[in-house]
Protein backbone atom coordinates (compact mmCIF):
# COMPACT_ATOMS: atom_id res chain seq x y z
CA UNK A 1 -47.52 42.85 -26.75
CA UNK A 2 -45.00 43.67 -23.99
CA UNK A 3 -43.97 47.24 -23.28
CA UNK A 4 -40.86 48.44 -25.15
CA UNK A 5 -38.90 48.63 -21.88
CA UNK A 6 -39.48 44.90 -21.33
CA UNK A 7 -38.25 44.18 -24.84
CA UNK A 8 -35.10 46.22 -24.14
CA UNK A 9 -34.57 44.37 -20.87
CA UNK A 10 -35.07 41.04 -22.64
CA UNK A 11 -32.47 41.98 -25.27
CA UNK A 12 -30.00 42.96 -22.54
CA UNK A 13 -30.68 39.67 -20.75
CA UNK A 14 -30.16 37.73 -23.96
CA UNK A 15 -26.74 39.30 -24.36
CA UNK A 16 -26.05 38.94 -20.63
CA UNK A 17 -25.17 42.62 -20.72
CA UNK A 18 -26.20 43.14 -17.10
CA UNK A 19 -25.00 40.19 -15.06
CA UNK A 20 -26.81 41.05 -11.80
CA UNK A 21 -30.09 41.59 -13.61
CA UNK A 22 -29.62 38.36 -15.56
CA UNK A 23 -29.09 36.40 -12.35
CA UNK A 24 -32.13 38.02 -10.72
CA UNK A 25 -34.36 37.02 -13.65
CA UNK A 26 -32.82 33.55 -13.87
CA UNK A 27 -33.53 33.00 -10.18
CA UNK A 28 -37.11 34.27 -10.58
CA UNK A 29 -37.69 31.95 -13.53
CA UNK A 30 -36.22 28.89 -11.76
CA UNK A 31 -39.71 27.50 -10.99
CA UNK A 32 -40.99 28.09 -14.51
CA UNK A 33 -39.49 25.72 -17.11
CA UNK A 34 -41.02 27.61 -20.05
CA UNK A 35 -39.64 30.96 -18.90
CA UNK A 36 -36.25 29.40 -18.19
CA UNK A 37 -36.23 27.86 -21.68
CA UNK A 38 -37.07 31.27 -23.18
CA UNK A 39 -34.20 32.88 -21.27
CA UNK A 40 -31.78 30.17 -22.38
CA UNK A 41 -32.98 30.35 -26.01
CA UNK A 42 -32.48 34.12 -26.07
CA UNK A 43 -29.04 33.69 -24.53
CA UNK A 44 -28.00 31.45 -27.45
CA UNK A 45 -28.47 34.23 -30.00
CA UNK A 46 -25.34 35.50 -31.72
CA UNK A 47 -26.93 38.95 -31.74
CA UNK A 48 -29.67 39.86 -29.29
CA UNK A 49 -31.86 41.94 -31.59
CA UNK A 50 -35.02 43.30 -29.98
CA UNK A 51 -37.12 42.06 -32.90
CA UNK A 52 -35.87 38.46 -32.74
CA UNK A 53 -38.51 35.85 -31.87
CA UNK A 54 -36.44 34.69 -28.89
CA UNK A 55 -36.20 38.17 -27.36
CA UNK A 56 -39.90 38.76 -28.00
CA UNK A 57 -40.79 35.50 -26.25
CA UNK A 58 -38.55 36.35 -23.31
CA UNK A 59 -40.16 39.79 -23.00
CA UNK A 60 -43.58 38.10 -22.90
CA UNK A 61 -42.41 35.92 -20.01
CA UNK A 62 -41.12 39.02 -18.23
CA UNK A 63 -44.51 40.65 -18.70
CA UNK A 64 -46.34 37.64 -17.26
CA UNK A 65 -43.92 37.47 -14.33
CA UNK A 66 -44.54 41.17 -13.62
CA UNK A 67 -48.29 40.63 -13.67
CA UNK A 68 -48.04 37.64 -11.34
CA UNK A 69 -45.57 39.30 -8.97
CA UNK A 70 -45.69 43.11 -8.88
CA UNK A 71 -42.68 43.21 -6.51
CA UNK A 72 -40.63 41.38 -9.14
CA UNK A 73 -41.71 43.96 -11.70
CA UNK A 74 -40.78 46.87 -9.43
CA UNK A 75 -37.33 45.49 -8.74
CA UNK A 76 -36.75 44.53 -12.38
CA UNK A 77 -37.57 48.06 -13.53
CA UNK A 78 -35.58 49.66 -10.70
CA UNK A 79 -32.49 47.59 -11.56
CA UNK A 80 -32.92 48.46 -15.25
CA UNK A 81 -33.29 52.16 -14.45
CA UNK A 82 -30.13 52.05 -12.33
CA UNK A 83 -28.18 50.49 -15.20
CA UNK A 84 -29.48 53.10 -17.63
CA UNK A 85 -28.69 55.97 -15.25
CA UNK A 86 -25.18 54.67 -14.66
CA UNK A 87 -24.49 54.54 -18.40
CA UNK A 88 -25.99 58.00 -19.02
CA UNK A 89 -24.11 59.76 -16.22
CA UNK A 90 -20.61 58.76 -17.19
CA UNK A 91 -20.58 55.13 -16.18
CA UNK A 92 -19.48 52.47 -18.59
CA UNK A 93 -21.64 49.70 -19.96
CA UNK A 94 -19.88 47.33 -22.34
CA UNK A 95 -21.37 44.40 -24.19
CA UNK A 96 -19.85 41.68 -26.31
CA UNK A 97 -22.12 39.12 -27.90
CA UNK A 98 -21.69 36.33 -30.34
CA UNK A 99 -18.57 34.38 -31.05
CA UNK A 100 -15.42 36.33 -30.45
CA UNK A 101 -12.14 35.25 -32.01
CA UNK A 102 -9.02 36.94 -30.76
CA UNK A 103 -8.47 39.53 -28.11
CA UNK A 104 -11.00 42.07 -26.88
CA UNK A 105 -10.57 45.25 -24.90
CA UNK A 106 -13.47 46.99 -23.24
CA UNK A 107 -12.62 50.35 -21.79
CA UNK A 108 -13.81 53.85 -21.29
CA UNK A 109 -10.97 56.37 -21.20
CA UNK A 110 -7.58 55.27 -22.43
CA UNK A 111 -4.55 57.51 -22.21
CA UNK A 112 -1.95 56.22 -24.63
CA UNK A 113 -2.02 53.11 -26.75
CA UNK A 114 -3.27 49.59 -26.28
CA UNK A 115 -1.18 46.64 -27.37
CA UNK A 116 -1.37 42.90 -27.00
């Protein structure tokens, strides 16, 4: 079973919450049709729950990729840590998943109202 951090990364990838990280993993998986299919299947979820079969399968592919290429694993974890640090130290990390109907605002600090 993959480490919990890999499951969290897989869930973030499924929701495309971290675009740079998603692209890095997508590029890494480009020579592996099964891993690419797992990434695409997870991406199709309306909600990227960590306990979903698609996210679990993606995390297993991440684990295998880490084992095969330790440099990939180091960079994957470093990028993930940077995202987490940014969010915890006052940065903003927004995520929208699923089908959205209507207008959406993602913001951190708003002074005054928001209107459409």
